[in-house]
Amino acid sequence: DVGDHQQVLAAALRQLPLPPWSKLLVRID
C-alpha cells in the first residue's frame, strides 16, 4: 500500500536526527 508506506517513512524520518546533508539508504523487499 503506497499510502501506508508514505506514512511509515514520514514517521521514521521524524525519528532520525537528519541534517540537510544526510544520506539515507532505504531497502524494501
mmCIF file of all heavy atoms, coordinates in Angstrom:
data_MODEL
# 
_entry.id   MODEL 
# 
loop_
_atom_site.group_PDB 
_atom_site.id 
_atom_site.type_symbol 
_atom_site.label_atom_id 
_atom_site.label_alt_id 
_atom_site.label_comp_id 
_atom_site.label_asym_id 
_atom_site.label_entity_id 
_atom_site.label_seq_id 
_atom_site.pdbx_PDB_ins_code 
_atom_site.Cartn_x 
_atom_site.Cartn_y 
_atom_site.Cartn_z 
_atom_site.occupancy 
_atom_site.B_iso_or_equiv 
_atom_site.pdbx_formal_charge 
_atom_site.auth_seq_id 
_atom_site.auth_comp_id 
_atom_site.auth_asym_id 
_atom_site.auth_atom_id 
_atom_site.pdbx_PDB_model_num 
ATOM 1   N N   . ASP A 1 1  ? 0.839  -1.199 0.000  1.00 0.00 ? 1  ASP A N   1 
ATOM 2   C CA  . ASP A 1 1  ? 0.000  0.000  0.000  1.00 0.00 ? 1  ASP A CA  1 
ATOM 3   C C   . ASP A 1 1  ? 0.876  1.251  0.000  1.00 0.00 ? 1  ASP A C   1 
ATOM 4   O O   . ASP A 1 1  ? 1.709  1.441  0.894  1.00 0.00 ? 1  ASP A O   1 
ATOM 5   C CB  . ASP A 1 1  ? -0.919 -0.005 1.224  1.00 0.00 ? 1  ASP A CB  1 
ATOM 6   C CG  . ASP A 1 1  ? -1.917 1.132  1.189  1.00 0.00 ? 1  ASP A CG  1 
ATOM 7   O OD1 . ASP A 1 1  ? -1.536 2.252  1.614  1.00 0.00 ? 1  ASP A OD1 1 
ATOM 8   O OD2 . ASP A 1 1  ? -3.049 0.927  0.743  1.00 0.00 ? 1  ASP A OD2 1 
ATOM 9   N N   . VAL A 1 2  ? 0.706  2.107  -0.986 1.00 0.00 ? 2  VAL A N   1 
ATOM 10  C CA  . VAL A 1 2  ? 1.567  3.286  -1.142 1.00 0.00 ? 2  VAL A CA  1 
ATOM 11  C C   . VAL A 1 2  ? 1.359  4.277  -0.002 1.00 0.00 ? 2  VAL A C   1 
ATOM 12  O O   . VAL A 1 2  ? 2.323  4.792  0.578  1.00 0.00 ? 2  VAL A O   1 
ATOM 13  C CB  . VAL A 1 2  ? 1.295  3.965  -2.501 1.00 0.00 ? 2  VAL A CB  1 
ATOM 14  C CG1 . VAL A 1 2  ? 2.139  5.236  -2.638 1.00 0.00 ? 2  VAL A CG1 1 
ATOM 15  C CG2 . VAL A 1 2  ? 1.607  3.008  -3.637 1.00 0.00 ? 2  VAL A CG2 1 
ATOM 16  N N   . GLY A 1 3  ? 0.101  4.549  0.344  1.00 0.00 ? 3  GLY A N   1 
ATOM 17  C CA  . GLY A 1 3  ? -0.177 5.493  1.414  1.00 0.00 ? 3  GLY A CA  1 
ATOM 18  C C   . GLY A 1 3  ? 0.397  5.056  2.746  1.00 0.00 ? 3  GLY A C   1 
ATOM 19  O O   . GLY A 1 3  ? 0.943  5.869  3.503  1.00 0.00 ? 3  GLY A O   1 
ATOM 20  N N   . ASP A 1 4  ? 0.288  3.767  3.057  1.00 0.00 ? 4  ASP A N   1 
ATOM 21  C CA  . ASP A 1 4  ? 0.839  3.260  4.311  1.00 0.00 ? 4  ASP A CA  1 
ATOM 22  C C   . ASP A 1 4  ? 2.355  3.403  4.339  1.00 0.00 ? 4  ASP A C   1 
ATOM 23  O O   . ASP A 1 4  ? 2.942  3.775  5.361  1.00 0.00 ? 4  ASP A O   1 
ATOM 24  C CB  . ASP A 1 4  ? 0.453  1.796  4.502  1.00 0.00 ? 4  ASP A CB  1 
ATOM 25  C CG  . ASP A 1 4  ? -1.029 1.622  4.794  1.00 0.00 ? 4  ASP A CG  1 
ATOM 26  O OD1 . ASP A 1 4  ? -1.695 2.638  5.061  1.00 0.00 ? 4  ASP A OD1 1 
ATOM 27  O OD2 . ASP A 1 4  ? -1.515 0.474  4.752  1.00 0.00 ? 4  ASP A OD2 1 
ATOM 28  N N   . HIS A 1 5  ? 3.019  3.117  3.222  1.00 0.00 ? 5  HIS A N   1 
ATOM 29  C CA  . HIS A 1 5  ? 4.469  3.262  3.175  1.00 0.00 ? 5  HIS A CA  1 
ATOM 30  C C   . HIS A 1 5  ? 4.892  4.721  3.313  1.00 0.00 ? 5  HIS A C   1 
ATOM 31  O O   . HIS A 1 5  ? 5.874  5.032  3.994  1.00 0.00 ? 5  HIS A O   1 
ATOM 32  C CB  . HIS A 1 5  ? 5.014  2.684  1.869  1.00 0.00 ? 5  HIS A CB  1 
ATOM 33  C CG  . HIS A 1 5  ? 5.235  1.202  1.918  1.00 0.00 ? 5  HIS A CG  1 
ATOM 34  N ND1 . HIS A 1 5  ? 4.206  0.299  1.750  1.00 0.00 ? 5  HIS A ND1 1 
ATOM 35  C CD2 . HIS A 1 5  ? 6.357  0.471  2.143  1.00 0.00 ? 5  HIS A CD2 1 
ATOM 36  C CE1 . HIS A 1 5  ? 4.696  -0.939 1.840  1.00 0.00 ? 5  HIS A CE1 1 
ATOM 37  N NE2 . HIS A 1 5  ? 5.980  -0.856 2.081  1.00 0.00 ? 5  HIS A NE2 1 
ATOM 38  N N   . GLN A 1 6  ? 4.153  5.618  2.695  1.00 0.00 ? 6  GLN A N   1 
ATOM 39  C CA  . GLN A 1 6  ? 4.472  7.034  2.842  1.00 0.00 ? 6  GLN A CA  1 
ATOM 40  C C   . GLN A 1 6  ? 4.331  7.480  4.292  1.00 0.00 ? 6  GLN A C   1 
ATOM 41  O O   . GLN A 1 6  ? 5.164  8.237  4.813  1.00 0.00 ? 6  GLN A O   1 
ATOM 42  C CB  . GLN A 1 6  ? 3.563  7.867  1.932  1.00 0.00 ? 6  GLN A CB  1 
ATOM 43  C CG  . GLN A 1 6  ? 3.833  7.688  0.455  1.00 0.00 ? 6  GLN A CG  1 
ATOM 44  C CD  . GLN A 1 6  ? 2.877  8.499  -0.410 1.00 0.00 ? 6  GLN A CD  1 
ATOM 45  O OE1 . GLN A 1 6  ? 1.874  9.026  0.072  1.00 0.00 ? 6  GLN A OE1 1 
ATOM 46  N NE2 . GLN A 1 6  ? 3.172  8.588  -1.690 1.00 0.00 ? 6  GLN A NE2 1 
ATOM 47  N N   . GLN A 1 7  ? 3.279  7.003  4.963  1.00 0.00 ? 7  GLN A N   1 
ATOM 48  C CA  . GLN A 1 7  ? 3.059  7.362  6.363  1.00 0.00 ? 7  GLN A CA  1 
ATOM 49  C C   . GLN A 1 7  ? 4.177  6.829  7.259  1.00 0.00 ? 7  GLN A C   1 
ATOM 50  O O   . GLN A 1 7  ? 4.692  7.547  8.131  1.00 0.00 ? 7  GLN A O   1 
ATOM 51  C CB  . GLN A 1 7  ? 1.710  6.835  6.827  1.00 0.00 ? 7  GLN A CB  1 
ATOM 52  C CG  . GLN A 1 7  ? 1.346  7.213  8.256  1.00 0.00 ? 7  GLN A CG  1 
ATOM 53  C CD  . GLN A 1 7  ? -0.047 6.730  8.643  1.00 0.00 ? 7  GLN A CD  1 
ATOM 54  O OE1 . GLN A 1 7  ? -0.846 6.351  7.779  1.00 0.00 ? 7  GLN A OE1 1 
ATOM 55  N NE2 . GLN A 1 7  ? -0.340 6.711  9.930  1.00 0.00 ? 7  GLN A NE2 1 
ATOM 56  N N   . VAL A 1 8  ? 4.574  5.578  7.046  1.00 0.00 ? 8  VAL A N   1 
ATOM 57  C CA  . VAL A 1 8  ? 5.626  4.985  7.877  1.00 0.00 ? 8  VAL A CA  1 
ATOM 58  C C   . VAL A 1 8  ? 6.968  5.654  7.597  1.00 0.00 ? 8  VAL A C   1 
ATOM 59  O O   . VAL A 1 8  ? 7.746  5.919  8.525  1.00 0.00 ? 8  VAL A O   1 
ATOM 60  C CB  . VAL A 1 8  ? 5.694  3.467  7.629  1.00 0.00 ? 8  VAL A CB  1 
ATOM 61  C CG1 . VAL A 1 8  ? 6.939  2.869  8.264  1.00 0.00 ? 8  VAL A CG1 1 
ATOM 62  C CG2 . VAL A 1 8  ? 4.450  2.794  8.193  1.00 0.00 ? 8  VAL A CG2 1 
ATOM 63  N N   . LEU A 1 9  ? 7.263  5.931  6.340  1.00 0.00 ? 9  LEU A N   1 
ATOM 64  C CA  . LEU A 1 9  ? 8.522  6.592  6.010  1.00 0.00 ? 9  LEU A CA  1 
ATOM 65  C C   . LEU A 1 9  ? 8.593  7.985  6.619  1.00 0.00 ? 9  LEU A C   1 
ATOM 66  O O   . LEU A 1 9  ? 9.644  8.394  7.135  1.00 0.00 ? 9  LEU A O   1 
ATOM 67  C CB  . LEU A 1 9  ? 8.682  6.673  4.488  1.00 0.00 ? 9  LEU A CB  1 
ATOM 68  C CG  . LEU A 1 9  ? 9.033  5.363  3.780  1.00 0.00 ? 9  LEU A CG  1 
ATOM 69  C CD1 . LEU A 1 9  ? 8.912  5.525  2.275  1.00 0.00 ? 9  LEU A CD1 1 
ATOM 70  C CD2 . LEU A 1 9  ? 10.448 4.925  4.152  1.00 0.00 ? 9  LEU A CD2 1 
ATOM 71  N N   . ALA A 1 10 ? 7.489  8.721  6.588  1.00 0.00 ? 10 ALA A N   1 
ATOM 72  C CA  . ALA A 1 10 ? 7.476  10.054 7.194  1.00 0.00 ? 10 ALA A CA  1 
ATOM 73  C C   . ALA A 1 10 ? 7.693  9.971  8.699  1.00 0.00 ? 10 ALA A C   1 
ATOM 74  O O   . ALA A 1 10 ? 8.456  10.763 9.271  1.00 0.00 ? 10 ALA A O   1 
ATOM 75  C CB  . ALA A 1 10 ? 6.153  10.750 6.879  1.00 0.00 ? 10 ALA A CB  1 
ATOM 76  N N   . ALA A 1 11 ? 7.042  9.000  9.355  1.00 0.00 ? 11 ALA A N   1 
ATOM 77  C CA  . ALA A 1 11 ? 7.231  8.838  10.795 1.00 0.00 ? 11 ALA A CA  1 
ATOM 78  C C   . ALA A 1 11 ? 8.659  8.419  11.119 1.00 0.00 ? 11 ALA A C   1 
ATOM 79  O O   . ALA A 1 11 ? 9.240  8.862  12.116 1.00 0.00 ? 11 ALA A O   1 
ATOM 80  C CB  . ALA A 1 11 ? 6.239  7.810  11.340 1.00 0.00 ? 11 ALA A CB  1 
ATOM 81  N N   . ALA A 1 12 ? 9.248  7.562  10.287 1.00 0.00 ? 12 ALA A N   1 
ATOM 82  C CA  . ALA A 1 12 ? 10.626 7.120  10.520 1.00 0.00 ? 12 ALA A CA  1 
ATOM 83  C C   . ALA A 1 12 ? 11.604 8.281  10.373 1.00 0.00 ? 12 ALA A C   1 
ATOM 84  O O   . ALA A 1 12 ? 12.535 8.427  11.174 1.00 0.00 ? 12 ALA A O   1 
ATOM 85  C CB  . ALA A 1 12 ? 10.978 5.998  9.548  1.00 0.00 ? 12 ALA A CB  1 
ATOM 86  N N   . LEU A 1 13 ? 11.402 9.127  9.371  1.00 0.00 ? 13 LEU A N   1 
ATOM 87  C CA  . LEU A 1 13 ? 12.301 10.263 9.163  1.00 0.00 ? 13 LEU A CA  1 
ATOM 88  C C   . LEU A 1 13 ? 12.228 11.249 10.319 1.00 0.00 ? 13 LEU A C   1 
ATOM 89  O O   . LEU A 1 13 ? 13.225 11.889 10.657 1.00 0.00 ? 13 LEU A O   1 
ATOM 90  C CB  . LEU A 1 13 ? 11.972 10.954 7.841  1.00 0.00 ? 13 LEU A CB  1 
ATOM 91  C CG  . LEU A 1 13 ? 12.303 10.169 6.566  1.00 0.00 ? 13 LEU A CG  1 
ATOM 92  C CD1 . LEU A 1 13 ? 11.863 10.937 5.339  1.00 0.00 ? 13 LEU A CD1 1 
ATOM 93  C CD2 . LEU A 1 13 ? 13.792 9.871  6.500  1.00 0.00 ? 13 LEU A CD2 1 
ATOM 94  N N   . ARG A 1 14 ? 11.049 11.364 10.928 1.00 0.00 ? 14 ARG A N   1 
ATOM 95  C CA  . ARG A 1 14 ? 10.929 12.268 12.080 1.00 0.00 ? 14 ARG A CA  1 
ATOM 96  C C   . ARG A 1 14 ? 11.701 11.749 13.288 1.00 0.00 ? 14 ARG A C   1 
ATOM 97  O O   . ARG A 1 14 ? 12.012 12.526 14.201 1.00 0.00 ? 14 ARG A O   1 
ATOM 98  C CB  . ARG A 1 14 ? 9.455  12.464 12.436 1.00 0.00 ? 14 ARG A CB  1 
ATOM 99  C CG  . ARG A 1 14 ? 8.672  13.284 11.430 1.00 0.00 ? 14 ARG A CG  1 
ATOM 100 C CD  . ARG A 1 14 ? 7.330  13.728 12.000 1.00 0.00 ? 14 ARG A CD  1 
ATOM 101 N NE  . ARG A 1 14 ? 6.439  12.604 12.253 1.00 0.00 ? 14 ARG A NE  1 
ATOM 102 C CZ  . ARG A 1 14 ? 5.539  12.150 11.377 1.00 0.00 ? 14 ARG A CZ  1 
ATOM 103 N NH1 . ARG A 1 14 ? 5.448  12.707 10.181 1.00 0.00 ? 14 ARG A NH1 1 
ATOM 104 N NH2 . ARG A 1 14 ? 4.754  11.136 11.683 1.00 0.00 ? 14 ARG A NH2 1 
ATOM 105 N N   . GLN A 1 15 ? 11.996 10.451 13.309 1.00 0.00 ? 15 GLN A N   1 
ATOM 106 C CA  . GLN A 1 15 ? 12.751 9.882  14.424 1.00 0.00 ? 15 GLN A CA  1 
ATOM 107 C C   . GLN A 1 15 ? 14.258 9.990  14.226 1.00 0.00 ? 15 GLN A C   1 
ATOM 108 O O   . GLN A 1 15 ? 15.023 9.744  15.164 1.00 0.00 ? 15 GLN A O   1 
ATOM 109 C CB  . GLN A 1 15 ? 12.381 8.404  14.603 1.00 0.00 ? 15 GLN A CB  1 
ATOM 110 C CG  . GLN A 1 15 ? 10.999 8.191  15.163 1.00 0.00 ? 15 GLN A CG  1 
ATOM 111 C CD  . GLN A 1 15 ? 10.844 8.743  16.564 1.00 0.00 ? 15 GLN A CD  1 
ATOM 112 O OE1 . GLN A 1 15 ? 11.655 8.471  17.441 1.00 0.00 ? 15 GLN A OE1 1 
ATOM 113 N NE2 . GLN A 1 15 ? 9.798  9.527  16.788 1.00 0.00 ? 15 GLN A NE2 1 
ATOM 114 N N   . LEU A 1 16 ? 14.694 10.358 13.038 1.00 0.00 ? 16 LEU A N   1 
ATOM 115 C CA  . LEU A 1 16 ? 16.121 10.426 12.757 1.00 0.00 ? 16 LEU A CA  1 
ATOM 116 C C   . LEU A 1 16 ? 16.612 11.863 12.853 1.00 0.00 ? 16 LEU A C   1 
ATOM 117 O O   . LEU A 1 16 ? 15.978 12.772 12.318 1.00 0.00 ? 16 LEU A O   1 
ATOM 118 C CB  . LEU A 1 16 ? 16.408 9.885  11.355 1.00 0.00 ? 16 LEU A CB  1 
ATOM 119 C CG  . LEU A 1 16 ? 15.982 8.440  11.091 1.00 0.00 ? 16 LEU A CG  1 
ATOM 120 C CD1 . LEU A 1 16 ? 16.343 8.052  9.662  1.00 0.00 ? 16 LEU A CD1 1 
ATOM 121 C CD2 . LEU A 1 16 ? 16.638 7.496  12.075 1.00 0.00 ? 16 LEU A CD2 1 
ATOM 122 N N   . PRO A 1 17 ? 17.745 12.080 13.517 1.00 0.00 ? 17 PRO A N   1 
ATOM 123 C CA  . PRO A 1 17 ? 18.319 13.434 13.562 1.00 0.00 ? 17 PRO A CA  1 
ATOM 124 C C   . PRO A 1 17 ? 18.992 13.761 12.244 1.00 0.00 ? 17 PRO A C   1 
ATOM 125 O O   . PRO A 1 17 ? 20.219 13.844 12.135 1.00 0.00 ? 17 PRO A O   1 
ATOM 126 C CB  . PRO A 1 17 ? 19.321 13.333 14.718 1.00 0.00 ? 17 PRO A CB  1 
ATOM 127 C CG  . PRO A 1 17 ? 19.727 11.905 14.743 1.00 0.00 ? 17 PRO A CG  1 
ATOM 128 C CD  . PRO A 1 17 ? 18.527 11.115 14.300 1.00 0.00 ? 17 PRO A CD  1 
ATOM 129 N N   . LEU A 1 18 ? 18.186 13.931 11.195 1.00 0.00 ? 18 LEU A N   1 
ATOM 130 C CA  . LEU A 1 18 ? 18.721 14.104 9.850  1.00 0.00 ? 18 LEU A CA  1 
ATOM 131 C C   . LEU A 1 18 ? 19.065 15.558 9.569  1.00 0.00 ? 18 LEU A C   1 
ATOM 132 O O   . LEU A 1 18 ? 18.175 16.396 9.451  1.00 0.00 ? 18 LEU A O   1 
ATOM 133 C CB  . LEU A 1 18 ? 17.702 13.622 8.810  1.00 0.00 ? 18 LEU A CB  1 
ATOM 134 C CG  . LEU A 1 18 ? 17.484 12.118 8.704  1.00 0.00 ? 18 LEU A CG  1 
ATOM 135 C CD1 . LEU A 1 18 ? 16.278 11.835 7.829  1.00 0.00 ? 18 LEU A CD1 1 
ATOM 136 C CD2 . LEU A 1 18 ? 18.695 11.447 8.136  1.00 0.00 ? 18 LEU A CD2 1 
ATOM 137 N N   . PRO A 1 19 ? 20.334 15.901 9.444  1.00 0.00 ? 19 PRO A N   1 
ATOM 138 C CA  . PRO A 1 19 ? 20.679 17.246 8.969  1.00 0.00 ? 19 PRO A CA  1 
ATOM 139 C C   . PRO A 1 19 ? 20.418 17.330 7.471  1.00 0.00 ? 19 PRO A C   1 
ATOM 140 O O   . PRO A 1 19 ? 20.215 16.303 6.807  1.00 0.00 ? 19 PRO A O   1 
ATOM 141 C CB  . PRO A 1 19 ? 22.179 17.352 9.275  1.00 0.00 ? 19 PRO A CB  1 
ATOM 142 C CG  . PRO A 1 19 ? 22.659 15.939 9.301  1.00 0.00 ? 19 PRO A CG  1 
ATOM 143 C CD  . PRO A 1 19 ? 21.514 15.107 9.795  1.00 0.00 ? 19 PRO A CD  1 
ATOM 144 N N   . PRO A 1 20 ? 20.403 18.528 6.904  1.00 0.00 ? 20 PRO A N   1 
ATOM 145 C CA  . PRO A 1 20 ? 20.068 18.674 5.480  1.00 0.00 ? 20 PRO A CA  1 
ATOM 146 C C   . PRO A 1 20 ? 21.011 17.910 4.557  1.00 0.00 ? 20 PRO A C   1 
ATOM 147 O O   . PRO A 1 20 ? 20.655 17.617 3.430  1.00 0.00 ? 20 PRO A O   1 
ATOM 148 C CB  . PRO A 1 20 ? 20.155 20.191 5.255  1.00 0.00 ? 20 PRO A CB  1 
ATOM 149 C CG  . PRO A 1 20 ? 19.984 20.798 6.615  1.00 0.00 ? 20 PRO A CG  1 
ATOM 150 C CD  . PRO A 1 20 ? 20.600 19.816 7.568  1.00 0.00 ? 20 PRO A CD  1 
ATOM 151 N N   . TRP A 1 21 ? 22.239 17.601 5.011  1.00 0.00 ? 21 TRP A N   1 
ATOM 152 C CA  . TRP A 1 21 ? 23.205 16.933 4.149  1.00 0.00 ? 21 TRP A CA  1 
ATOM 153 C C   . TRP A 1 21 ? 23.255 15.426 4.379  1.00 0.00 ? 21 TRP A C   1 
ATOM 154 O O   . TRP A 1 21 ? 24.185 14.758 3.939  1.00 0.00 ? 21 TRP A O   1 
ATOM 155 C CB  . TRP A 1 21 ? 24.591 17.528 4.382  1.00 0.00 ? 21 TRP A CB  1 
ATOM 156 C CG  . TRP A 1 21 ? 25.003 17.486 5.823  1.00 0.00 ? 21 TRP A CG  1 
ATOM 157 C CD1 . TRP A 1 21 ? 25.648 16.473 6.475  1.00 0.00 ? 21 TRP A CD1 1 
ATOM 158 C CD2 . TRP A 1 21 ? 24.789 18.502 6.783  1.00 0.00 ? 21 TRP A CD2 1 
ATOM 159 N NE1 . TRP A 1 21 ? 25.851 16.800 7.780  1.00 0.00 ? 21 TRP A NE1 1 
ATOM 160 C CE2 . TRP A 1 21 ? 25.341 18.052 8.008  1.00 0.00 ? 21 TRP A CE2 1 
ATOM 161 C CE3 . TRP A 1 21 ? 24.192 19.769 6.757  1.00 0.00 ? 21 TRP A CE3 1 
ATOM 162 C CZ2 . TRP A 1 21 ? 25.287 18.806 9.178  1.00 0.00 ? 21 TRP A CZ2 1 
ATOM 163 C CZ3 . TRP A 1 21 ? 24.151 20.516 7.912  1.00 0.00 ? 21 TRP A CZ3 1 
ATOM 164 C CH2 . TRP A 1 21 ? 24.692 20.039 9.100  1.00 0.00 ? 21 TRP A CH2 1 
ATOM 165 N N   . SER A 1 22 ? 22.286 14.886 5.048  1.00 0.00 ? 22 SER A N   1 
ATOM 166 C CA  . SER A 1 22 ? 22.311 13.464 5.386  1.00 0.00 ? 22 SER A CA  1 
ATOM 167 C C   . SER A 1 22 ? 22.124 12.593 4.150  1.00 0.00 ? 22 SER A C   1 
ATOM 168 O O   . SER A 1 22 ? 21.595 13.016 3.119  1.00 0.00 ? 22 SER A O   1 
ATOM 169 C CB  . SER A 1 22 ? 21.225 13.143 6.405  1.00 0.00 ? 22 SER A CB  1 
ATOM 170 O OG  . SER A 1 22 ? 21.569 13.633 7.665  1.00 0.00 ? 22 SER A OG  1 
ATOM 171 N N   . LYS A 1 23 ? 22.548 11.345 4.299  1.00 0.00 ? 23 LYS A N   1 
ATOM 172 C CA  . LYS A 1 23 ? 22.409 10.343 3.246  1.00 0.00 ? 23 LYS A CA  1 
ATOM 173 C C   . LYS A 1 23 ? 21.589 9.188  3.805  1.00 0.00 ? 23 LYS A C   1 
ATOM 174 O O   . LYS A 1 23 ? 21.878 8.680  4.884  1.00 0.00 ? 23 LYS A O   1 
ATOM 175 C CB  . LYS A 1 23 ? 23.787 9.866  2.798  1.00 0.00 ? 23 LYS A CB  1 
ATOM 176 C CG  . LYS A 1 23 ? 24.617 10.967 2.156  1.00 0.00 ? 23 LYS A CG  1 
ATOM 177 C CD  . LYS A 1 23 ? 26.016 10.495 1.809  1.00 0.00 ? 23 LYS A CD  1 
ATOM 178 C CE  . LYS A 1 23 ? 26.878 10.352 3.038  1.00 0.00 ? 23 LYS A CE  1 
ATOM 179 N NZ  . LYS A 1 23 ? 28.283 10.038 2.692  1.00 0.00 ? 23 LYS A NZ  1 
ATOM 180 N N   . LEU A 1 24 ? 20.576 8.779  3.049  1.00 0.00 ? 24 LEU A N   1 
ATOM 181 C CA  . LEU A 1 24 ? 19.640 7.757  3.510  1.00 0.00 ? 24 LEU A CA  1 
ATOM 182 C C   . LEU A 1 24 ? 19.527 6.662  2.468  1.00 0.00 ? 24 LEU A C   1 
ATOM 183 O O   . LEU A 1 24 ? 19.296 6.938  1.287  1.00 0.00 ? 24 LEU A O   1 
ATOM 184 C CB  . LEU A 1 24 ? 18.264 8.380  3.768  1.00 0.00 ? 24 LEU A CB  1 
ATOM 185 C CG  . LEU A 1 24 ? 17.144 7.421  4.184  1.00 0.00 ? 24 LEU A CG  1 
ATOM 186 C CD1 . LEU A 1 24 ? 17.442 6.802  5.538  1.00 0.00 ? 24 LEU A CD1 1 
ATOM 187 C CD2 . LEU A 1 24 ? 15.799 8.140  4.213  1.00 0.00 ? 24 LEU A CD2 1 
ATOM 188 N N   . LEU A 1 25 ? 19.696 5.413  2.904  1.00 0.00 ? 25 LEU A N   1 
ATOM 189 C CA  . LEU A 1 25 ? 19.511 4.249  2.049  1.00 0.00 ? 25 LEU A CA  1 
ATOM 190 C C   . LEU A 1 25 ? 18.288 3.489  2.554  1.00 0.00 ? 25 LEU A C   1 
ATOM 191 O O   . LEU A 1 25 ? 18.241 3.073  3.711  1.00 0.00 ? 25 LEU A O   1 
ATOM 192 C CB  . LEU A 1 25 ? 20.745 3.349  2.085  1.00 0.00 ? 25 LEU A CB  1 
ATOM 193 C CG  . LEU A 1 25 ? 20.625 2.007  1.346  1.00 0.00 ? 25 LEU A CG  1 
ATOM 194 C CD1 . LEU A 1 25 ? 20.412 2.226  -0.149 1.00 0.00 ? 25 LEU A CD1 1 
ATOM 195 C CD2 . LEU A 1 25 ? 21.868 1.153  1.587  1.00 0.00 ? 25 LEU A CD2 1 
ATOM 196 N N   . VAL A 1 26 ? 17.291 3.313  1.688  1.00 0.00 ? 26 VAL A N   1 
ATOM 197 C CA  . VAL A 1 26 ? 16.053 2.619  2.035  1.00 0.00 ? 26 VAL A CA  1 
ATOM 198 C C   . VAL A 1 26 ? 16.046 1.284  1.301  1.00 0.00 ? 26 VAL A C   1 
ATOM 199 O O   . VAL A 1 26 ? 16.212 1.233  0.070  1.00 0.00 ? 26 VAL A O   1 
ATOM 200 C CB  . VAL A 1 26 ? 14.810 3.450  1.653  1.00 0.00 ? 26 VAL A CB  1 
ATOM 201 C CG1 . VAL A 1 26 ? 13.537 2.710  2.037  1.00 0.00 ? 26 VAL A CG1 1 
ATOM 202 C CG2 . VAL A 1 26 ? 14.858 4.811  2.334  1.00 0.00 ? 26 VAL A CG2 1 
ATOM 203 N N   . ARG A 1 27 ? 15.834 0.203  2.056  1.00 0.00 ? 27 ARG A N   1 
ATOM 204 C CA  . ARG A 1 27 ? 15.809 -1.146 1.471  1.00 0.00 ? 27 ARG A CA  1 
ATOM 205 C C   . ARG A 1 27 ? 14.410 -1.736 1.664  1.00 0.00 ? 27 ARG A C   1 
ATOM 206 O O   . ARG A 1 27 ? 13.934 -1.860 2.788  1.00 0.00 ? 27 ARG A O   1 
ATOM 207 C CB  . ARG A 1 27 ? 16.861 -2.033 2.135  1.00 0.00 ? 27 ARG A CB  1 
ATOM 208 C CG  . ARG A 1 27 ? 18.271 -1.442 2.083  1.00 0.00 ? 27 ARG A CG  1 
ATOM 209 C CD  . ARG A 1 27 ? 19.310 -2.385 2.640  1.00 0.00 ? 27 ARG A CD  1 
ATOM 210 N NE  . ARG A 1 27 ? 19.083 -2.718 4.046  1.00 0.00 ? 27 ARG A NE  1 
ATOM 211 C CZ  . ARG A 1 27 ? 19.931 -3.444 4.781  1.00 0.00 ? 27 ARG A CZ  1 
ATOM 212 N NH1 . ARG A 1 27 ? 21.050 -3.893 4.235  1.00 0.00 ? 27 ARG A NH1 1 
ATOM 213 N NH2 . ARG A 1 27 ? 19.659 -3.711 6.043  1.00 0.00 ? 27 ARG A NH2 1 
ATOM 214 N N   . ILE A 1 28 ? 13.762 -2.098 0.570  1.00 0.00 ? 28 ILE A N   1 
ATOM 215 C CA  . ILE A 1 28 ? 12.441 -2.713 0.639  1.00 0.00 ? 28 ILE A CA  1 
ATOM 216 C C   . ILE A 1 28 ? 12.464 -3.996 -0.188 1.00 0.00 ? 28 ILE A C   1 
ATOM 217 O O   . ILE A 1 28 ? 13.212 -4.119 -1.162 1.00 0.00 ? 28 ILE A O   1 
ATOM 218 C CB  . ILE A 1 28 ? 11.319 -1.777 0.132  1.00 0.00 ? 28 ILE A CB  1 
ATOM 219 C CG1 . ILE A 1 28 ? 11.595 -1.315 -1.294 1.00 0.00 ? 28 ILE A CG1 1 
ATOM 220 C CG2 . ILE A 1 28 ? 11.169 -0.576 1.050  1.00 0.00 ? 28 ILE A CG2 1 
ATOM 221 C CD1 . ILE A 1 28 ? 10.496 -0.460 -1.883 1.00 0.00 ? 28 ILE A CD1 1 
ATOM 222 N N   . ASP A 1 29 ? 11.643 -4.962 0.208  1.00 0.00 ? 29 ASP A N   1 
ATOM 223 C CA  . ASP A 1 29 ? 11.623 -6.236 -0.497 1.00 0.00 ? 29 ASP A CA  1 
ATOM 224 C C   . ASP A 1 29 ? 10.553 -6.239 -1.577 1.00 0.00 ? 29 ASP A C   1 
ATOM 225 O O   . ASP A 1 29 ? 9.866  -5.237 -1.816 1.00 0.00 ? 29 ASP A O   1 
ATOM 226 C CB  . ASP A 1 29 ? 11.429 -7.386 0.487  1.00 0.00 ? 29 ASP A CB  1 
ATOM 227 C CG  . ASP A 1 29 ? 10.129 -7.253 1.272  1.00 0.00 ? 29 ASP A CG  1 
ATOM 228 O OD1 . ASP A 1 29 ? 9.261  -6.446 0.860  1.00 0.00 ? 29 ASP A OD1 1 
ATOM 229 O OD2 . ASP A 1 29 ? 9.966  -7.943 2.295  1.00 0.00 ? 29 ASP A OD2 1 
# 
